[in-house]
Amino acid sequence: MIDARSDRSFYKKGFNMAKKKKAPSSAQIAGNKRAYHDYFIEEKMEAGIELQGWEVKSLREGHGQLSEAYVHVRDNEVFVIGSRITPLLSASTHIYADDTRTRKLLLHRREIDRLVGAIDQKGYTIVPLSLYWKKGMVKVEIGLAKGKKDHDKRAVIKERDWDREKHRLMRHDNR
């Protein structure tokens, strides 16, 4: 009887005893398309977020929403307000699961100071753009943004339609 571990040809043929990794699922939990419609996003940053246990479990199931959320700076701390994490039916019974509670964002002091300076001087605002997984932790992508006027929104829509029409014409000409 031949021991498979001592036979090196066993490994050369591509038999690997290690576990196969699962195909990575979509890392994004929730997005904020409305922010891109209402604001010019000048700069993006990544921030951690303080969550409770039931919130993490709910986010693993994909129950997160950022559509009405905004970011507020108070006492040199940054908070996301209005984000909705719907609790699971099996959430713990000894706590009150508030789905729209204010959640603290985790940023370095230099990043907070830079955001506060931009908000005060240049008339910018901070908006949450997406909620996603990174190395098993939930992260929030926030953007330093300036509001769009109505004519800016119409111009962006018109430009997007023209680009779509250009691609359609180019594709038709290449046939």
C-alpha atoms as a PDB file:
ATOM      1  CA  MET A   1       0.000   0.000   0.000  1.00  0.00           C
ATOM      2  CA  ILE A   2       1.407   3.395  -1.008  1.00  0.00           C
ATOM      3  CA  ASP A   3       1.005   6.394   1.293  1.00  0.00           C
ATOM      4  CA  ALA A   4      -0.387   9.310  -0.718  1.00  0.00           C
ATOM      5  CA  ARG A   5       1.619  11.857   1.245  1.00  0.00           C
ATOM      6  CA  SER A   6       4.919  10.175   0.468  1.00  0.00           C
ATOM      7  CA  ASP A   7       4.083   9.922  -3.217  1.00  0.00           C
ATOM      8  CA  ARG A   8       4.979  13.329  -4.683  1.00  0.00           C
ATOM      9  CA  SER A   9       3.200  12.607  -7.951  1.00  0.00           C
ATOM     10  CA  PHE A  10      -0.039  12.868  -5.977  1.00  0.00           C
ATOM     11  CA  TYR A  11       0.614  16.605  -5.475  1.00  0.00           C
ATOM     12  CA  LYS A  12       1.942  17.183  -8.965  1.00  0.00           C
ATOM     13  CA  LYS A  13      -1.292  16.050 -10.551  1.00  0.00           C
ATOM     14  CA  GLY A  14      -3.158  18.968  -9.002  1.00  0.00           C
ATOM     15  CA  PHE A  15      -4.710  17.240  -6.026  1.00  0.00           C
ATOM     16  CA  ASN A  16      -4.779  19.827  -3.296  1.00  0.00           C
ATOM     17  CA  MET A  17      -5.830  18.859   0.196  1.00  0.00           C
ATOM     18  CA  ALA A  18      -6.521  22.461   1.247  1.00  0.00           C
ATOM     19  CA  LYS A  19     -10.039  23.828   1.480  1.00  0.00           C
ATOM     20  CA  LYS A  20     -11.357  25.548  -1.575  1.00  0.00           C
ATOM     21  CA  LYS A  21     -12.322  29.145  -1.053  1.00  0.00           C
ATOM     22  CA  LYS A  22     -15.893  30.186  -1.653  1.00  0.00           C
ATOM     23  CA  ALA A  23     -16.595  32.533  -4.498  1.00  0.00           C
ATOM     24  CA  PRO A  24     -16.644  36.044  -3.062  1.00  0.00           C
ATOM     25  CA  SER A  25     -20.146  37.391  -2.776  1.00  0.00           C
ATOM     26  CA  SER A  26     -20.961  41.007  -3.427  1.00  0.00           C
ATOM     27  CA  ALA A  27     -19.132  43.097  -0.856  1.00  0.00           C
ATOM     28  CA  GLN A  28     -21.576  45.996  -1.102  1.00  0.00           C
ATOM     29  CA  ILE A  29     -24.431  45.944   1.380  1.00  0.00           C
ATOM     30  CA  ALA A  30     -26.197  49.180   0.444  1.00  0.00           C
ATOM     31  CA  GLY A  31     -25.617  52.096  -1.888  1.00  0.00           C
ATOM     32  CA  ASN A  32     -26.834  55.664  -2.064  1.00  0.00           C
ATOM     33  CA  LYS A  33     -27.600  56.435  -5.719  1.00  0.00           C
ATOM     34  CA  ARG A  34     -29.472  59.555  -4.691  1.00  0.00           C
ATOM     35  CA  ALA A  35     -26.235  61.128  -3.426  1.00  0.00           C
ATOM     36  CA  TYR A  36     -24.696  60.964  -6.903  1.00  0.00           C
ATOM     37  CA  HIS A  37     -27.821  62.588  -8.351  1.00  0.00           C
ATOM     38  CA  ASP A  38     -28.009  65.429  -5.811  1.00  0.00           C
ATOM     39  CA  TYR A  39     -24.306  66.183  -5.216  1.00  0.00           C
ATOM     40  CA  PHE A  40     -20.981  66.597  -6.968  1.00  0.00           C
ATOM     41  CA  ILE A  41     -18.712  64.187  -5.076  1.00  0.00           C
ATOM     42  CA  GLU A  42     -15.305  65.847  -4.720  1.00  0.00           C
ATOM     43  CA  GLU A  43     -13.510  63.368  -2.471  1.00  0.00           C
ATOM     44  CA  LYS A  44     -14.247  59.912  -1.076  1.00  0.00           C
ATOM     45  CA  MET A  45     -13.037  58.321   2.164  1.00  0.00           C
ATOM     46  CA  GLU A  46     -13.541  55.094   3.998  1.00  0.00           C
ATOM     47  CA  ALA A  47     -14.715  55.031   7.606  1.00  0.00           C
ATOM     48  CA  GLY A  48     -15.477  52.306  10.088  1.00  0.00           C
ATOM     49  CA  ILE A  49     -18.823  52.289  11.840  1.00  0.00           C
ATOM     50  CA  GLU A  50     -19.807  51.358  15.398  1.00  0.00           C
ATOM     51  CA  LEU A  51     -22.452  48.658  15.298  1.00  0.00           C
ATOM     52  CA  GLN A  52     -24.228  46.433  17.768  1.00  0.00           C
ATOM     53  CA  GLY A  53     -24.313  42.672  17.362  1.00  0.00           C
ATOM     54  CA  TRP A  54     -27.843  42.464  15.995  1.00  0.00           C
ATOM     55  CA  GLU A  55     -26.955  45.115  13.386  1.00  0.00           C
ATOM     56  CA  VAL A  56     -24.038  43.079  12.064  1.00  0.00           C
ATOM     57  CA  LYS A  57     -26.230  39.982  11.786  1.00  0.00           C
ATOM     58  CA  SER A  58     -28.868  41.984   9.965  1.00  0.00           C
ATOM     59  CA  LEU A  59     -26.290  43.452   7.565  1.00  0.00           C
ATOM     60  CA  ARG A  60     -25.052  39.942   6.761  1.00  0.00           C
ATOM     61  CA  GLU A  61     -28.585  39.265   5.546  1.00  0.00           C
ATOM     62  CA  GLY A  62     -28.499  42.478   3.448  1.00  0.00           C
ATOM     63  CA  HIS A  63     -30.960  44.556   5.494  1.00  0.00           C
ATOM     64  CA  GLY A  64     -29.146  47.917   5.232  1.00  0.00           C
ATOM     65  CA  GLN A  65     -30.300  51.155   3.615  1.00  0.00           C
ATOM     66  CA  LEU A  66     -28.599  54.543   3.124  1.00  0.00           C
ATOM     67  CA  SER A  67     -31.110  56.374   0.929  1.00  0.00           C
ATOM     68  CA  GLU A  68     -32.175  58.967   3.533  1.00  0.00           C
ATOM     69  CA  ALA A  69     -28.951  59.051   5.551  1.00  0.00           C
ATOM     70  CA  TYR A  70     -26.644  61.992   6.110  1.00  0.00           C
ATOM     71  CA  VAL A  71     -23.434  62.619   8.052  1.00  0.00           C
ATOM     72  CA  HIS A  72     -23.213  65.100  10.924  1.00  0.00           C
ATOM     73  CA  VAL A  73     -20.153  66.359  12.834  1.00  0.00           C
ATOM     74  CA  ARG A  74     -20.734  67.031  16.527  1.00  0.00           C
ATOM     75  CA  ASP A  75     -18.066  67.656  19.209  1.00  0.00           C
ATOM     76  CA  ASN A  76     -15.256  66.564  16.851  1.00  0.00           C
ATOM     77  CA  GLU A  77     -16.985  63.225  16.277  1.00  0.00           C
ATOM     78  CA  VAL A  78     -18.658  62.101  13.070  1.00  0.00           C
ATOM     79  CA  PHE A  79     -22.067  60.410  13.079  1.00  0.00           C
ATOM     80  CA  VAL A  80     -24.270  58.928  10.372  1.00  0.00           C
ATOM     81  CA  ILE A  81     -27.926  59.754  10.954  1.00  0.00           C
ATOM     82  CA  GLY A  82     -30.940  58.217   9.265  1.00  0.00           C
ATOM     83  CA  SER A  83     -29.379  55.016   7.983  1.00  0.00           C
ATOM     84  CA  ARG A  84     -31.784  52.123   8.346  1.00  0.00           C
ATOM     85  CA  ILE A  85     -30.745  48.652   9.455  1.00  0.00           C
ATOM     86  CA  THR A  86     -33.871  46.560   9.746  1.00  0.00           C
ATOM     87  CA  PRO A  87     -33.659  44.102  12.655  1.00  0.00           C
ATOM     88  CA  LEU A  88     -34.111  40.412  12.016  1.00  0.00           C
ATOM     89  CA  LEU A  89     -37.104  38.646  13.481  1.00  0.00           C
ATOM     90  CA  SER A  90     -34.709  36.576  15.577  1.00  0.00           C
ATOM     91  CA  ALA A  91     -33.054  39.662  17.124  1.00  0.00           C
ATOM     92  CA  SER A  92     -32.384  39.529  20.832  1.00  0.00           C
ATOM     93  CA  THR A  93     -35.421  40.064  23.037  1.00  0.00           C
ATOM     94  CA  HIS A  94     -33.630  41.839  25.890  1.00  0.00           C
ATOM     95  CA  ILE A  95     -32.685  44.915  23.830  1.00  0.00           C
ATOM     96  CA  TYR A  96     -34.727  47.455  21.925  1.00  0.00           C
ATOM     97  CA  ALA A  97     -33.632  47.315  18.273  1.00  0.00           C
ATOM     98  CA  ASP A  98     -33.839  50.894  16.975  1.00  0.00           C
ATOM     99  CA  ASP A  99     -33.377  50.606  13.221  1.00  0.00           C
ATOM    100  CA  THR A 100     -32.603  54.305  12.568  1.00  0.00           C
ATOM    101  CA  ARG A 101     -30.384  55.081  15.535  1.00  0.00           C
ATOM    102  CA  THR A 102     -27.428  57.455  15.229  1.00  0.00           C
ATOM    103  CA  ARG A 103     -24.226  55.513  14.577  1.00  0.00           C
ATOM    104  CA  LYS A 104     -20.711  56.797  15.170  1.00  0.00           C
ATOM    105  CA  LEU A 105     -18.195  56.737  12.328  1.00  0.00           C
ATOM    106  CA  LEU A 106     -14.614  55.790  13.127  1.00  0.00           C
ATOM    107  CA  LEU A 107     -12.100  58.174  11.569  1.00  0.00           C
ATOM    108  CA  HIS A 108      -8.636  59.430  12.478  1.00  0.00           C
ATOM    109  CA  ARG A 109      -8.356  62.901  14.027  1.00  0.00           C
ATOM    110  CA  ARG A 110      -6.605  64.302  10.923  1.00  0.00           C
ATOM    111  CA  GLU A 111      -9.426  63.073   8.687  1.00  0.00           C
ATOM    112  CA  ILE A 112     -12.074  64.601  10.947  1.00  0.00           C
ATOM    113  CA  ASP A 113     -10.200  67.930  11.045  1.00  0.00           C
ATOM    114  CA  ARG A 114      -9.913  67.975   7.247  1.00  0.00           C
ATOM    115  CA  LEU A 115     -13.647  67.273   6.878  1.00  0.00           C
ATOM    116  CA  VAL A 116     -14.588  69.968   9.411  1.00  0.00           C
ATOM    117  CA  GLY A 117     -12.356  72.492   7.640  1.00  0.00           C
ATOM    118  CA  ALA A 118     -13.910  71.749   4.269  1.00  0.00           C
ATOM    119  CA  ILE A 119     -17.451  71.994   5.636  1.00  0.00           C
ATOM    120  CA  ASP A 120     -16.804  75.329   7.365  1.00  0.00           C
ATOM    121  CA  GLN A 121     -14.847  77.114   4.643  1.00  0.00           C
ATOM    122  CA  LYS A 122     -15.951  75.829   1.277  1.00  0.00           C
ATOM    123  CA  GLY A 123     -19.631  75.071   1.768  1.00  0.00           C
ATOM    124  CA  TYR A 124     -19.326  71.328   1.368  1.00  0.00           C
ATOM    125  CA  THR A 125     -21.346  68.620   3.046  1.00  0.00           C
ATOM    126  CA  ILE A 126     -20.633  64.990   3.873  1.00  0.00           C
ATOM    127  CA  VAL A 127     -22.853  62.236   2.485  1.00  0.00           C
ATOM    128  CA  PRO A 128     -22.691  58.456   2.941  1.00  0.00           C
ATOM    129  CA  LEU A 129     -22.205  56.758  -0.434  1.00  0.00           C
ATOM    130  CA  SER A 130     -22.089  53.053   0.288  1.00  0.00           C
ATOM    131  CA  LEU A 131     -22.008  50.436   3.014  1.00  0.00           C
ATOM    132  CA  TYR A 132     -19.817  47.402   2.345  1.00  0.00           C
ATOM    133  CA  TRP A 133     -17.763  44.554   3.814  1.00  0.00           C
ATOM    134  CA  LYS A 134     -13.987  44.744   3.948  1.00  0.00           C
ATOM    135  CA  LYS A 135     -12.002  41.956   5.647  1.00  0.00           C
ATOM    136  CA  GLY A 136     -15.022  40.937   7.689  1.00  0.00           C
ATOM    137  CA  MET A 137     -15.770  44.456   8.935  1.00  0.00           C
ATOM    138  CA  VAL A 138     -18.463  46.873   7.865  1.00  0.00           C
ATOM    139  CA  LYS A 139     -17.162  50.060   6.275  1.00  0.00           C
ATOM    140  CA  VAL A 140     -18.925  53.205   5.102  1.00  0.00           C
ATOM    141  CA  GLU A 141     -17.727  55.153   2.099  1.00  0.00           C
ATOM    142  CA  ILE A 142     -18.393  58.834   2.712  1.00  0.00           C
ATOM    143  CA  GLY A 143     -18.000  61.632   0.236  1.00  0.00           C
ATOM    144  CA  LEU A 144     -17.155  65.284   0.569  1.00  0.00           C
ATOM    145  CA  ALA A 145     -19.827  66.765  -1.677  1.00  0.00           C
ATOM    146  CA  LYS A 146     -21.172  70.019  -3.037  1.00  0.00           C
ATOM    147  CA  GLY A 147     -24.861  70.316  -3.872  1.00  0.00           C
ATOM    148  CA  LYS A 148     -26.093  70.384  -7.463  1.00  0.00           C
ATOM    149  CA  LYS A 149     -28.536  72.932  -8.754  1.00  0.00           C
ATOM    150  CA  ASP A 150     -31.499  71.862 -10.918  1.00  0.00           C
ATOM    151  CA  HIS A 151     -29.824  72.984 -14.149  1.00  0.00           C
ATOM    152  CA  ASP A 152     -26.727  70.940 -13.232  1.00  0.00           C
ATOM    153  CA  LYS A 153     -28.875  67.841 -12.783  1.00  0.00           C
ATOM    154  CA  ARG A 154     -30.527  68.405 -16.159  1.00  0.00           C
ATOM    155  CA  ALA A 155     -27.128  68.872 -17.816  1.00  0.00           C
ATOM    156  CA  VAL A 156     -25.836  65.598 -16.356  1.00  0.00           C
ATOM    157  CA  ILE A 157     -28.936  63.739 -17.589  1.00  0.00           C
ATOM    158  CA  LYS A 158     -28.585  65.294 -21.043  1.00  0.00           C
ATOM    159  CA  GLU A 159     -24.883  64.346 -21.202  1.00  0.00           C
ATOM    160  CA  ARG A 160     -25.616  60.771 -20.105  1.00  0.00           C
ATOM    161  CA  ASP A 161     -28.319  60.431 -22.784  1.00  0.00           C
ATOM    162  CA  TRP A 162     -25.974  61.801 -25.433  1.00  0.00           C
ATOM    163  CA  ASP A 163     -23.224  59.330 -24.420  1.00  0.00           C
ATOM    164  CA  ARG A 164     -25.716  56.471 -24.637  1.00  0.00           C
ATOM    165  CA  GLU A 165     -26.829  57.643 -28.094  1.00  0.00           C
ATOM    166  CA  LYS A 166     -23.191  57.969 -29.249  1.00  0.00           C
ATOM    167  CA  HIS A 167     -22.451  54.391 -28.207  1.00  0.00           C
ATOM    168  CA  ARG A 168     -25.604  53.210 -29.952  1.00  0.00           C
ATOM    169  CA  LEU A 169     -24.607  54.993 -33.191  1.00  0.00           C
ATOM    170  CA  MET A 170     -21.027  53.705 -33.027  1.00  0.00           C
ATOM    171  CA  ARG A 171     -22.246  50.161 -32.500  1.00  0.00           C
ATOM    172  CA  HIS A 172     -24.669  50.498 -35.441  1.00  0.00           C
ATOM    173  CA  ASP A 173     -21.919  51.866 -37.736  1.00  0.00           C
ATOM    174  CA  ASN A 174     -19.531  49.028 -36.898  1.00  0.00           C
ATOM    175  CA  ARG A 175     -21.961  46.340 -38.158  1.00  0.00           C
END
